[in-house]
Every structure is written in structure tokens, then in C-alpha cells.
Full PDB file with SEQRES, HELIX, SHEET, SSBOND, CRYST1, ORIGX, SCALE, CONECT and MASTER records, all heavy atoms in Angstrom:
SEQRES   1 A   43  ASP GLN LYS GLY VAL SER VAL SER CYS ASP PHE GLN TYR          
SEQRES   2 A   43  ASP VAL CYS THR VAL THR LEU ALA GLY TRP HIS HIS GLY          
SEQRES   3 A   43  VAL SER ALA GLY LEU PHE GLY THR ASN ASP ASN GLU ALA          
SEQRES   4 A   43  GLY ASN GLU TRP                                              
HELIX    1 AA1 GLY A   22  HIS A   24  5                                   3    
HELIX    2 AA2 ALA A   39  ASN A   41  5                                   3    
SHEET    1 AA1 2 VAL A   5  ASP A  10  0                                        
SHEET    2 AA1 2 VAL A  15  LEU A  20 -1                                        
SSBOND   1 CYS A    9    CYS A   16                          1555   1555  2.08  
CRYST1    1.000    1.000    1.000  90.00  90.00  90.00 P 1           1          
ORIGX1      1.000000  0.000000  0.000000        0.00000                         
ORIGX2      0.000000  1.000000  0.000000        0.00000                         
ORIGX3      0.000000  0.000000  1.000000        0.00000                         
SCALE1      1.000000  0.000000  0.000000        0.00000                         
SCALE2      0.000000  1.000000  0.000000        0.00000                         
SCALE3      0.000000  0.000000  1.000000        0.00000                         
ATOM      1  N   ASP A   1       0.847  -1.186   0.000  1.00  0.00           N  
ATOM      2  CA  ASP A   1       0.000   0.000   0.000  1.00  0.00           C  
ATOM      3  C   ASP A   1       0.886   1.242   0.000  1.00  0.00           C  
ATOM      4  O   ASP A   1       2.103   1.150   0.083  1.00  0.00           O  
ATOM      5  CB  ASP A   1      -0.989  -0.008   1.178  1.00  0.00           C  
ATOM      6  CG  ASP A   1      -0.324   0.221   2.525  1.00  0.00           C  
ATOM      7  OD1 ASP A   1       0.914   0.374   2.580  1.00  0.00           O  
ATOM      8  OD2 ASP A   1      -1.043   0.235   3.533  1.00  0.00           O  
ATOM      9  N   GLN A   2       0.258   2.413  -0.098  1.00  0.00           N  
ATOM     10  CA  GLN A   2       1.009   3.658  -0.192  1.00  0.00           C  
ATOM     11  C   GLN A   2       1.573   4.104   1.156  1.00  0.00           C  
ATOM     12  O   GLN A   2       2.348   5.041   1.224  1.00  0.00           O  
ATOM     13  CB  GLN A   2       0.110   4.751  -0.763  1.00  0.00           C  
ATOM     14  CG  GLN A   2      -0.322   4.466  -2.188  1.00  0.00           C  
ATOM     15  CD  GLN A   2      -1.397   5.417  -2.674  1.00  0.00           C  
ATOM     16  OE1 GLN A   2      -2.090   6.044  -1.879  1.00  0.00           O  
ATOM     17  NE2 GLN A   2      -1.550   5.510  -3.986  1.00  0.00           N  
ATOM     18  N   LYS A   3       1.199   3.414   2.226  1.00  0.00           N  
ATOM     19  CA  LYS A   3       1.668   3.798   3.557  1.00  0.00           C  
ATOM     20  C   LYS A   3       2.846   2.954   4.022  1.00  0.00           C  
ATOM     21  O   LYS A   3       3.211   2.987   5.192  1.00  0.00           O  
ATOM     22  CB  LYS A   3       0.517   3.679   4.554  1.00  0.00           C  
ATOM     23  CG  LYS A   3      -0.616   4.639   4.236  1.00  0.00           C  
ATOM     24  CD  LYS A   3      -1.760   4.459   5.183  1.00  0.00           C  
ATOM     25  CE  LYS A   3      -2.904   5.382   4.816  1.00  0.00           C  
ATOM     26  NZ  LYS A   3      -4.097   5.127   5.598  1.00  0.00           N  
ATOM     27  N   GLY A   4       3.422   2.157   3.139  1.00  0.00           N  
ATOM     28  CA  GLY A   4       4.648   1.447   3.482  1.00  0.00           C  
ATOM     29  C   GLY A   4       4.497   0.050   4.049  1.00  0.00           C  
ATOM     30  O   GLY A   4       5.386  -0.433   4.735  1.00  0.00           O  
ATOM     31  N   VAL A   5       3.386  -0.610   3.777  1.00  0.00           N  
ATOM     32  CA  VAL A   5       3.220  -2.003   4.175  1.00  0.00           C  
ATOM     33  C   VAL A   5       3.377  -2.845   2.919  1.00  0.00           C  
ATOM     34  O   VAL A   5       2.742  -2.585   1.899  1.00  0.00           O  
ATOM     35  CB  VAL A   5       1.827  -2.264   4.796  1.00  0.00           C  
ATOM     36  CG1 VAL A   5       1.670  -3.730   5.165  1.00  0.00           C  
ATOM     37  CG2 VAL A   5       1.608  -1.379   6.000  1.00  0.00           C  
ATOM     38  N   SER A   6       4.236  -3.860   2.988  1.00  0.00           N  
ATOM     39  CA  SER A   6       4.469  -4.712   1.832  1.00  0.00           C  
ATOM     40  C   SER A   6       4.541  -6.169   2.275  1.00  0.00           C  
ATOM     41  O   SER A   6       5.214  -6.498   3.253  1.00  0.00           O  
ATOM     42  CB  SER A   6       5.781  -4.316   1.144  1.00  0.00           C  
ATOM     43  OG  SER A   6       6.080  -5.214   0.100  1.00  0.00           O  
ATOM     44  N   VAL A   7       3.814  -7.036   1.568  1.00  0.00           N  
ATOM     45  CA  VAL A   7       3.857  -8.480   1.809  1.00  0.00           C  
ATOM     46  C   VAL A   7       4.248  -9.128   0.492  1.00  0.00           C  
ATOM     47  O   VAL A   7       3.646  -8.870  -0.547  1.00  0.00           O  
ATOM     48  CB  VAL A   7       2.489  -9.026   2.282  1.00  0.00           C  
ATOM     49  CG1 VAL A   7       2.542 -10.535   2.454  1.00  0.00           C  
ATOM     50  CG2 VAL A   7       2.066  -8.346   3.571  1.00  0.00           C  
ATOM     51  N   SER A   8       5.271  -9.971   0.552  1.00  0.00           N  
ATOM     52  CA  SER A   8       5.770 -10.624  -0.650  1.00  0.00           C  
ATOM     53  C   SER A   8       5.912 -12.118  -0.384  1.00  0.00           C  
ATOM     54  O   SER A   8       6.438 -12.513   0.662  1.00  0.00           O  
ATOM     55  CB  SER A   8       7.127 -10.019  -1.027  1.00  0.00           C  
ATOM     56  OG  SER A   8       7.682 -10.709  -2.115  1.00  0.00           O  
ATOM     57  N   CYS A   9       5.435 -12.949  -1.307  1.00  0.00           N  
ATOM     58  CA  CYS A   9       5.560 -14.402  -1.171  1.00  0.00           C  
ATOM     59  C   CYS A   9       6.248 -14.967  -2.404  1.00  0.00           C  
ATOM     60  O   CYS A   9       5.859 -14.679  -3.528  1.00  0.00           O  
ATOM     61  CB  CYS A   9       4.198 -15.063  -1.016  1.00  0.00           C  
ATOM     62  SG  CYS A   9       3.420 -14.756   0.579  1.00  0.00           S  
ATOM     63  N   ASP A  10       7.277 -15.749  -2.161  1.00  0.00           N  
ATOM     64  CA  ASP A  10       7.994 -16.452  -3.222  1.00  0.00           C  
ATOM     65  C   ASP A  10       7.544 -17.902  -3.173  1.00  0.00           C  
ATOM     66  O   ASP A  10       7.899 -18.651  -2.250  1.00  0.00           O  
ATOM     67  CB  ASP A  10       9.504 -16.343  -2.997  1.00  0.00           C  
ATOM     68  CG  ASP A  10      10.299 -16.890  -4.164  1.00  0.00           C  
ATOM     69  OD1 ASP A  10       9.861 -17.895  -4.773  1.00  0.00           O  
ATOM     70  OD2 ASP A  10      11.355 -16.320  -4.473  1.00  0.00           O  
ATOM     71  N   PHE A  11       6.733 -18.308  -4.154  1.00  0.00           N  
ATOM     72  CA  PHE A  11       6.159 -19.647  -4.160  1.00  0.00           C  
ATOM     73  C   PHE A  11       7.209 -20.730  -4.390  1.00  0.00           C  
ATOM     74  O   PHE A  11       7.062 -21.854  -3.939  1.00  0.00           O  
ATOM     75  CB  PHE A  11       5.075 -19.763  -5.225  1.00  0.00           C  
ATOM     76  CG  PHE A  11       3.898 -18.852  -4.985  1.00  0.00           C  
ATOM     77  CD1 PHE A  11       3.317 -18.157  -6.028  1.00  0.00           C  
ATOM     78  CD2 PHE A  11       3.362 -18.701  -3.723  1.00  0.00           C  
ATOM     79  CE1 PHE A  11       2.231 -17.323  -5.813  1.00  0.00           C  
ATOM     80  CE2 PHE A  11       2.282 -17.867  -3.490  1.00  0.00           C  
ATOM     81  CZ  PHE A  11       1.711 -17.180  -4.541  1.00  0.00           C  
ATOM     82  N   GLN A  12       8.256 -20.390  -5.097  1.00  0.00           N  
ATOM     83  CA  GLN A  12       9.288 -21.385  -5.402  1.00  0.00           C  
ATOM     84  C   GLN A  12       9.979 -21.855  -4.115  1.00  0.00           C  
ATOM     85  O   GLN A  12      10.293 -23.023  -3.965  1.00  0.00           O  
ATOM     86  CB  GLN A  12      10.315 -20.808  -6.368  1.00  0.00           C  
ATOM     87  CG  GLN A  12      11.377 -21.809  -6.784  1.00  0.00           C  
ATOM     88  CD  GLN A  12      12.312 -21.220  -7.832  1.00  0.00           C  
ATOM     89  OE1 GLN A  12      12.128 -20.101  -8.300  1.00  0.00           O  
ATOM     90  NE2 GLN A  12      13.317 -21.995  -8.204  1.00  0.00           N  
ATOM     91  N   TYR A  13      10.211 -20.935  -3.184  1.00  0.00           N  
ATOM     92  CA  TYR A  13      10.927 -21.276  -1.953  1.00  0.00           C  
ATOM     93  C   TYR A  13      10.018 -21.340  -0.725  1.00  0.00           C  
ATOM     94  O   TYR A  13      10.497 -21.524   0.388  1.00  0.00           O  
ATOM     95  CB  TYR A  13      12.049 -20.266  -1.716  1.00  0.00           C  
ATOM     96  CG  TYR A  13      13.059 -20.271  -2.826  1.00  0.00           C  
ATOM     97  CD1 TYR A  13      13.115 -19.216  -3.740  1.00  0.00           C  
ATOM     98  CD2 TYR A  13      13.937 -21.328  -2.992  1.00  0.00           C  
ATOM     99  CE1 TYR A  13      14.031 -19.217  -4.779  1.00  0.00           C  
ATOM    100  CE2 TYR A  13      14.856 -21.349  -4.030  1.00  0.00           C  
ATOM    101  CZ  TYR A  13      14.897 -20.285  -4.914  1.00  0.00           C  
ATOM    102  OH  TYR A  13      15.798 -20.299  -5.944  1.00  0.00           O  
ATOM    103  N   ASP A  14       8.698 -21.142  -0.908  1.00  0.00           N  
ATOM    104  CA  ASP A  14       7.746 -21.129   0.200  1.00  0.00           C  
ATOM    105  C   ASP A  14       8.158 -20.148   1.296  1.00  0.00           C  
ATOM    106  O   ASP A  14       8.163 -20.471   2.482  1.00  0.00           O  
ATOM    107  CB  ASP A  14       7.574 -22.534   0.799  1.00  0.00           C  
ATOM    108  CG  ASP A  14       6.817 -23.461  -0.132  1.00  0.00           C  
ATOM    109  OD1 ASP A  14       5.993 -22.971  -0.920  1.00  0.00           O  
ATOM    110  OD2 ASP A  14       7.061 -24.677  -0.085  1.00  0.00           O  
ATOM    111  N   VAL A  15       8.525 -18.933   0.888  1.00  0.00           N  
ATOM    112  CA  VAL A  15       8.937 -17.895   1.830  1.00  0.00           C  
ATOM    113  C   VAL A  15       8.093 -16.647   1.601  1.00  0.00           C  
ATOM    114  O   VAL A  15       7.930 -16.192   0.475  1.00  0.00           O  
ATOM    115  CB  VAL A  15      10.438 -17.545   1.632  1.00  0.00           C  
ATOM    116  CG1 VAL A  15      10.827 -16.357   2.485  1.00  0.00           C  
ATOM    117  CG2 VAL A  15      11.313 -18.736   1.968  1.00  0.00           C  
ATOM    118  N   CYS A  16       7.541 -16.122   2.689  1.00  0.00           N  
ATOM    119  CA  CYS A  16       6.804 -14.864   2.614  1.00  0.00           C  
ATOM    120  C   CYS A  16       7.476 -13.866   3.547  1.00  0.00           C  
ATOM    121  O   CYS A  16       7.942 -14.228   4.629  1.00  0.00           O  
ATOM    122  CB  CYS A  16       5.352 -15.054   3.040  1.00  0.00           C  
ATOM    123  SG  CYS A  16       4.377 -16.058   1.896  1.00  0.00           S  
ATOM    124  N   THR A  17       7.545 -12.607   3.129  1.00  0.00           N  
ATOM    125  CA  THR A  17       8.141 -11.561   3.945  1.00  0.00           C  
ATOM    126  C   THR A  17       7.155 -10.416   4.132  1.00  0.00           C  
ATOM    127  O   THR A  17       6.336 -10.150   3.253  1.00  0.00           O  
ATOM    128  CB  THR A  17       9.432 -11.006   3.314  1.00  0.00           C  
ATOM    129  OG1 THR A  17       9.116 -10.483   2.030  1.00  0.00           O  
ATOM    130  CG2 THR A  17      10.497 -12.074   3.182  1.00  0.00           C  
ATOM    131  N   VAL A  18       7.257  -9.771   5.266  1.00  0.00           N  
ATOM    132  CA  VAL A  18       6.449  -8.593   5.569  1.00  0.00           C  
ATOM    133  C   VAL A  18       7.426  -7.456   5.844  1.00  0.00           C  
ATOM    134  O   VAL A  18       8.344  -7.596   6.645  1.00  0.00           O  
ATOM    135  CB  VAL A  18       5.556  -8.828   6.804  1.00  0.00           C  
ATOM    136  CG1 VAL A  18       4.787  -7.564   7.155  1.00  0.00           C  
ATOM    137  CG2 VAL A  18       4.609  -9.993   6.572  1.00  0.00           C  
ATOM    138  N   THR A  19       7.245  -6.331   5.155  1.00  0.00           N  
ATOM    139  CA  THR A  19       8.106  -5.168   5.338  1.00  0.00           C  
ATOM    140  C   THR A  19       7.244  -3.978   5.748  1.00  0.00           C  
ATOM    141  O   THR A  19       6.225  -3.709   5.111  1.00  0.00           O  
ATOM    142  CB  THR A  19       8.861  -4.838   4.033  1.00  0.00           C  
ATOM    143  OG1 THR A  19       9.546  -6.009   3.592  1.00  0.00           O  
ATOM    144  CG2 THR A  19       9.859  -3.720   4.249  1.00  0.00           C  
ATOM    145  N   LEU A  20       7.668  -3.291   6.813  1.00  0.00           N  
ATOM    146  CA  LEU A  20       6.939  -2.119   7.288  1.00  0.00           C  
ATOM    147  C   LEU A  20       7.849  -0.902   7.228  1.00  0.00           C  
ATOM    148  O   LEU A  20       8.995  -0.956   7.675  1.00  0.00           O  
ATOM    149  CB  LEU A  20       6.472  -2.318   8.740  1.00  0.00           C  
ATOM    150  CG  LEU A  20       5.544  -3.498   9.014  1.00  0.00           C  
ATOM    151  CD1 LEU A  20       5.244  -3.589  10.498  1.00  0.00           C  
ATOM    152  CD2 LEU A  20       4.265  -3.373   8.218  1.00  0.00           C  
ATOM    153  N   ALA A  21       7.332   0.192   6.709  1.00  0.00           N  
ATOM    154  CA  ALA A  21       8.085   1.445   6.661  1.00  0.00           C  
ATOM    155  C   ALA A  21       8.138   2.065   8.058  1.00  0.00           C  
ATOM    156  O   ALA A  21       7.426   1.647   8.970  1.00  0.00           O  
ATOM    157  CB  ALA A  21       7.434   2.414   5.676  1.00  0.00           C  
ATOM    158  N   GLY A  22       8.957   3.077   8.214  1.00  0.00           N  
ATOM    159  CA  GLY A  22       9.114   3.755   9.497  1.00  0.00           C  
ATOM    160  C   GLY A  22       7.828   4.329  10.062  1.00  0.00           C  
ATOM    161  O   GLY A  22       7.709   4.517  11.275  1.00  0.00           O  
ATOM    162  N   TRP A  23       6.853   4.605   9.201  1.00  0.00           N  
ATOM    163  CA  TRP A  23       5.568   5.145   9.669  1.00  0.00           C  
ATOM    164  C   TRP A  23       4.885   4.186  10.639  1.00  0.00           C  
ATOM    165  O   TRP A  23       4.048   4.588  11.434  1.00  0.00           O  
ATOM    166  CB  TRP A  23       4.626   5.397   8.491  1.00  0.00           C  
ATOM    167  CG  TRP A  23       5.154   6.393   7.523  1.00  0.00           C  
ATOM    168  CD1 TRP A  23       5.677   6.137   6.293  1.00  0.00           C  
ATOM    169  CD2 TRP A  23       5.225   7.807   7.693  1.00  0.00           C  
ATOM    170  NE1 TRP A  23       6.075   7.303   5.686  1.00  0.00           N  
ATOM    171  CE2 TRP A  23       5.799   8.349   6.528  1.00  0.00           C  
ATOM    172  CE3 TRP A  23       4.859   8.675   8.725  1.00  0.00           C  
ATOM    173  CZ2 TRP A  23       6.021   9.705   6.367  1.00  0.00           C  
ATOM    174  CZ3 TRP A  23       5.079  10.024   8.561  1.00  0.00           C  
ATOM    175  CH2 TRP A  23       5.651  10.523   7.396  1.00  0.00           C  
ATOM    176  N   HIS A  24       5.224   2.904  10.547  1.00  0.00           N  
ATOM    177  CA  HIS A  24       4.574   1.884  11.376  1.00  0.00           C  
ATOM    178  C   HIS A  24       5.429   1.477  12.581  1.00  0.00           C  
ATOM    179  O   HIS A  24       5.190   0.440  13.187  1.00  0.00           O  
ATOM    180  CB  HIS A  24       4.251   0.666  10.516  1.00  0.00           C  
ATOM    181  CG  HIS A  24       3.347   0.982   9.372  1.00  0.00           C  
ATOM    182  ND1 HIS A  24       2.014   1.289   9.530  1.00  0.00           N  
ATOM    183  CD2 HIS A  24       3.590   1.092   8.045  1.00  0.00           C  
ATOM    184  CE1 HIS A  24       1.484   1.557   8.355  1.00  0.00           C  
ATOM    185  NE2 HIS A  24       2.416   1.446   7.443  1.00  0.00           N  
ATOM    186  N   HIS A  25       6.403   2.314  12.931  1.00  0.00           N  
ATOM    187  CA  HIS A  25       7.294   2.043  14.057  1.00  0.00           C  
ATOM    188  C   HIS A  25       6.503   1.982  15.361  1.00  0.00           C  
ATOM    189  O   HIS A  25       5.826   2.946  15.746  1.00  0.00           O  
ATOM    190  CB  HIS A  25       8.360   3.141  14.138  1.00  0.00           C  
ATOM    191  CG  HIS A  25       9.325   2.961  15.262  1.00  0.00           C  
ATOM    192  ND1 HIS A  25      10.389   2.096  15.187  1.00  0.00           N  
ATOM    193  CD2 HIS A  25       9.366   3.525  16.495  1.00  0.00           C  
ATOM    194  CE1 HIS A  25      11.064   2.139  16.318  1.00  0.00           C  
ATOM    195  NE2 HIS A  25      10.468   3.003  17.128  1.00  0.00           N  
ATOM    196  N   GLY A  26       6.551   0.830  16.016  1.00  0.00           N  
ATOM    197  CA  GLY A  26       5.953   0.691  17.339  1.00  0.00           C  
ATOM    198  C   GLY A  26       4.447   0.657  17.416  1.00  0.00           C  
ATOM    199  O   GLY A  26       3.902   0.789  18.509  1.00  0.00           O  
ATOM    200  N   VAL A  27       3.736   0.486  16.310  1.00  0.00           N  
ATOM    201  CA  VAL A  27       2.274   0.470  16.371  1.00  0.00           C  
ATOM    202  C   VAL A  27       1.691  -0.922  16.152  1.00  0.00           C  
ATOM    203  O   VAL A  27       0.489  -1.104  16.228  1.00  0.00           O  
ATOM    204  CB  VAL A  27       1.630   1.443  15.339  1.00  0.00           C  
ATOM    205  CG1 VAL A  27       2.055   2.860  15.605  1.00  0.00           C  
ATOM    206  CG2 VAL A  27       1.920   1.027  13.916  1.00  0.00           C  
ATOM    207  N   SER A  28       2.555  -1.901  15.879  1.00  0.00           N  
ATOM    208  CA  SER A  28       2.039  -3.231  15.588  1.00  0.00           C  
ATOM    209  C   SER A  28       2.437  -4.229  16.667  1.00  0.00           C  
ATOM    210  O   SER A  28       3.360  -3.998  17.445  1.00  0.00           O  
ATOM    211  CB  SER A  28       2.532  -3.714  14.225  1.00  0.00           C  
ATOM    212  OG  SER A  28       3.927  -3.933  14.242  1.00  0.00           O  
ATOM    213  N   ALA A  29       1.715  -5.327  16.691  1.00  0.00           N  
ATOM    214  CA  ALA A  29       2.017  -6.423  17.609  1.00  0.00           C  
ATOM    215  C   ALA A  29       1.530  -7.715  16.960  1.00  0.00           C  
ATOM    216  O   ALA A  29       0.766  -7.700  16.005  1.00  0.00           O  
ATOM    217  CB  ALA A  29       1.338  -6.205  18.947  1.00  0.00           C  
ATOM    218  N   GLY A  30       1.980  -8.820  17.499  1.00  0.00           N  
ATOM    219  CA  GLY A  30       1.649 -10.140  16.982  1.00  0.00           C  
ATOM    220  C   GLY A  30       2.872 -11.034  17.108  1.00  0.00           C  
ATOM    221  O   GLY A  30       3.837 -10.698  17.802  1.00  0.00           O  
ATOM    222  N   LEU A  31       2.853 -12.172  16.434  1.00  0.00           N  
ATOM    223  CA  LEU A  31       4.003 -13.075  16.494  1.00  0.00           C  
ATOM    224  C   LEU A  31       5.262 -12.448  15.919  1.00  0.00           C  
ATOM    225  O   LEU A  31       6.363 -12.852  16.258  1.00  0.00           O  
ATOM    226  CB  LEU A  31       3.705 -14.382  15.745  1.00  0.00           C  
ATOM    227  CG  LEU A  31       2.850 -15.404  16.481  1.00  0.00           C  
ATOM    228  CD1 LEU A  31       2.747 -16.684  15.672  1.00  0.00           C  
ATOM    229  CD2 LEU A  31       3.380 -15.705  17.859  1.00  0.00           C  
ATOM    230  N   PHE A  32       5.111 -11.454  15.049  1.00  0.00           N  
ATOM    231  CA  PHE A  32       6.283 -10.785  14.486  1.00  0.00           C  
ATOM    232  C   PHE A  32       6.854  -9.715  15.419  1.00  0.00           C  
ATOM    233  O   PHE A  32       7.781  -9.013  15.065  1.00  0.00           O  
ATOM    234  CB  PHE A  32       5.951 -10.149  13.134  1.00  0.00           C  
ATOM    235  CG  PHE A  32       5.826 -11.143  12.014  1.00  0.00           C  
ATOM    236  CD1 PHE A  32       5.305 -10.747  10.796  1.00  0.00           C  
ATOM    237  CD2 PHE A  32       6.233 -12.461  12.142  1.00  0.00           C  
ATOM    238  CE1 PHE A  32       5.193 -11.642   9.749  1.00  0.00           C  
ATOM    239  CE2 PHE A  32       6.124 -13.360  11.108  1.00  0.00           C  
ATOM    240  CZ  PHE A  32       5.598 -12.959   9.903  1.00  0.00           C  
ATOM    241  N   GLY A  33       6.293  -9.568  16.602  1.00  0.00           N  
ATOM    242  CA  GLY A  33       6.835  -8.632  17.579  1.00  0.00           C  
ATOM    243  C   GLY A  33       6.232  -7.248  17.486  1.00  0.00           C  
ATOM    244  O   GLY A  33       5.212  -7.031  16.842  1.00  0.00           O  
ATOM    245  N   THR A  34       6.908  -6.293  18.133  1.00  0.00           N  
ATOM    246  CA  THR A  34       6.361  -4.939  18.283  1.00  0.00           C  
ATOM    247  C   THR A  34       6.898  -3.923  17.283  1.00  0.00           C  
ATOM    248  O   THR A  34       6.430  -2.792  17.261  1.00  0.00           O  
ATOM    249  CB  THR A  34       6.653  -4.420  19.706  1.00  0.00           C  
ATOM    250  OG1 THR A  34       8.066  -4.492  19.916  1.00  0.00           O  
ATOM    251  CG2 THR A  34       5.921  -5.237  20.751  1.00  0.00           C  
ATOM    252  N   ASN A  35       7.885  -4.287  16.489  1.00  0.00           N  
ATOM    253  CA  ASN A  35       8.425  -3.405  15.452  1.00  0.00           C  
ATOM    254  C   ASN A  35       8.850  -2.041  16.008  1.00  0.00           C  
ATOM    255  O   ASN A  35       8.538  -0.994  15.441  1.00  0.00           O  
ATOM    256  CB  ASN A  35       7.415  -3.224  14.311  1.00  0.00           C  
ATOM    257  CG  ASN A  35       8.011  -2.508  13.123  1.00  0.00           C  
ATOM    258  OD1 ASN A  35       9.150  -2.768  12.730  1.00  0.00           O  
ATOM    259  ND2 ASN A  35       7.264  -1.585  12.541  1.00  0.00           N  
ATOM    260  N   ASP A  36       9.543  -2.059  17.138  1.00  0.00           N  
ATOM    261  CA  ASP A  36      10.024  -0.792  17.692  1.00  0.00           C  
ATOM    262  C   ASP A  36      11.533  -0.818  17.989  1.00  0.00           C  
ATOM    263  O   ASP A  36      12.040   0.045  18.700  1.00  0.00           O  
ATOM    264  CB  ASP A  36       9.239  -0.412  18.943  1.00  0.00           C  
ATOM    265  CG  ASP A  36       9.412  -1.405  20.073  1.00  0.00           C  
ATOM    266  OD1 ASP A  36      10.121  -2.427  19.898  1.00  0.00           O  
ATOM    267  OD2 ASP A  36       8.833  -1.173  21.151  1.00  0.00           O  
ATOM    268  N   ASN A  37      12.227  -1.810  17.450  1.00  0.00           N  
ATOM    269  CA  ASN A  37      13.682  -1.960  17.604  1.00  0.00           C  
ATOM    270  C   ASN A  37      14.121  -2.160  19.055  1.00  0.00           C  
ATOM    271  O   ASN A  37      15.271  -1.911  19.391  1.00  0.00           O  
ATOM    272  CB  ASN A  37      14.433  -0.769  17.002  1.00  0.00           C  
ATOM    273  CG  ASN A  37      14.261  -0.703  15.504  1.00  0.00           C  
ATOM    274  OD1 ASN A  37      14.153  -1.733  14.842  1.00  0.00           O  
ATOM    275  ND2 ASN A  37      14.224   0.498  14.961  1.00  0.00           N  
ATOM    276  N   GLU A  38      13.217  -2.589  19.905  1.00  0.00           N  
ATOM    277  CA  GLU A  38      13.552  -2.885  21.301  1.00  0.00           C  
ATOM    278  C   GLU A  38      13.468  -4.395  21.500  1.00  0.00           C  
ATOM    279  O   GLU A  38      12.380  -4.973  21.474  1.00  0.00           O  
ATOM    280  CB  GLU A  38      12.578  -2.185  22.263  1.00  0.00           C  
ATOM    281  CG  GLU A  38      12.627  -0.685  22.214  1.00  0.00           C  
ATOM    282  CD  GLU A  38      13.941  -0.126  22.743  1.00  0.00           C  
ATOM    283  OE1 GLU A  38      14.578  -0.766  23.603  1.00  0.00           O  
ATOM    284  OE2 GLU A  38      14.335   0.961  22.275  1.00  0.00           O  
ATOM    285  N   ALA A  39      14.606  -5.041  21.702  1.00  0.00           N  
ATOM    286  CA  ALA A  39      14.636  -6.498  21.843  1.00  0.00           C  
ATOM    287  C   ALA A  39      13.906  -6.969  23.095  1.00  0.00           C  
ATOM    288  O   ALA A  39      13.380  -8.083  23.136  1.00  0.00           O  
ATOM    289  CB  ALA A  39      16.081  -6.989  21.861  1.00  0.00           C  
ATOM    290  N   GLY A  40      13.832  -6.148  24.100  1.00  0.00           N  
ATOM    291  CA  GLY A  40      13.250  -6.554  25.375  1.00  0.00           C  
ATOM    292  C   GLY A  40      11.748  -6.712  25.392  1.00  0.00           C  
ATOM    293  O   GLY A  40      11.194  -7.293  26.325  1.00  0.00           O  
ATOM    294  N   ASN A  41      11.042  -6.202  24.389  1.00  0.00           N  
ATOM    295  CA  ASN A  41       9.573  -6.308  24.427  1.00  0.00           C  
ATOM    296  C   ASN A  41       8.986  -7.068  23.241  1.00  0.00           C  
ATOM    297  O   ASN A  41       7.800  -6.957  22.964  1.00  0.00           O  
ATOM    298  CB  ASN A  41       8.939  -4.921  24.544  1.00  0.00           C  
ATOM    299  CG  ASN A  41       9.156  -4.066  23.305  1.00  0.00           C  
ATOM    300  OD1 ASN A  41       9.779  -4.503  22.339  1.00  0.00           O  
ATOM    301  ND2 ASN A  41       8.657  -2.858  23.347  1.00  0.00           N  
ATOM    302  N   GLU A  42       9.801  -7.834  22.552  1.00  0.00           N  
ATOM    303  CA  GLU A  42       9.312  -8.563  21.376  1.00  0.00           C  
ATOM    304  C   GLU A  42       8.319  -9.662  21.736  1.00  0.00           C  
ATOM    305  O   GLU A  42       7.498 -10.034  20.928  1.00  0.00           O  
ATOM    306  CB  GLU A  42      10.481  -9.170  20.597  1.00  0.00           C  
ATOM    307  CG  GLU A  42      11.329  -8.133  19.887  1.00  0.00           C  
ATOM    308  CD  GLU A  42      10.544  -7.271  18.909  1.00  0.00           C  
ATOM    309  OE1 GLU A  42       9.880  -7.830  18.023  1.00  0.00           O  
ATOM    310  OE2 GLU A  42      10.598  -6.052  19.031  1.00  0.00           O  
ATOM    311  N   TRP A  43       8.418 -10.198  22.934  1.00  0.00           N  
ATOM    312  CA  TRP A  43       7.567 -11.320  23.326  1.00  0.00           C  
ATOM    313  C   TRP A  43       6.367 -10.850  24.146  1.00  0.00           C  
ATOM    314  O   TRP A  43       5.973 -11.457  25.118  1.00  0.00           O  
ATOM    315  CB  TRP A  43       8.397 -12.342  24.096  1.00  0.00           C  
ATOM    316  CG  TRP A  43       9.334 -13.087  23.189  1.00  0.00           C  
ATOM    317  CD1 TRP A  43      10.222 -12.555  22.315  1.00  0.00           C  
ATOM    318  CD2 TRP A  43       9.444 -14.487  23.053  1.00  0.00           C  
ATOM    319  NE1 TRP A  43      10.891 -13.542  21.650  1.00  0.00           N  
ATOM    320  CE2 TRP A  43      10.435 -14.749  22.093  1.00  0.00           C  
ATOM    321  CE3 TRP A  43       8.811 -15.562  23.666  1.00  0.00           C  
ATOM    322  CZ2 TRP A  43      10.800 -16.020  21.709  1.00  0.00           C  
ATOM    323  CZ3 TRP A  43       9.179 -16.837  23.296  1.00  0.00           C  
ATOM    324  CH2 TRP A  43      10.158 -17.060  22.329  1.00  0.00           C  
TER     325      TRP A  43                                                      
CONECT   62  123                                                                
CONECT  123   62                                                                
MASTER        0    0    0    2    2    0    0    6  324    1    2    4          
END                                                                             
């Protein structure tokens, strides 16, 4: 989308990646962690 969220899946290798732009710093949570560059609160 135009706000910096990108999901890409490579079917050949069964790998999907999620990329978030800086606009989404620290606003998300889930198994992928908090996206705030703080190792202490990922879990």
C-alpha cells in the first residue's frame, strides 16, 4: 500500500516476507513482535 506495508511471497521457496516502513514504528504487535527496535519487548 502507499503507507509502506508490503507483503511478498515467493512460491518457489515457500517464503513470505512482511516489510513495514518507518511510519509503522511501534504500532504493531503479533508473532512478528512490536516493530520498535527494542529487543526486550518482542515477546
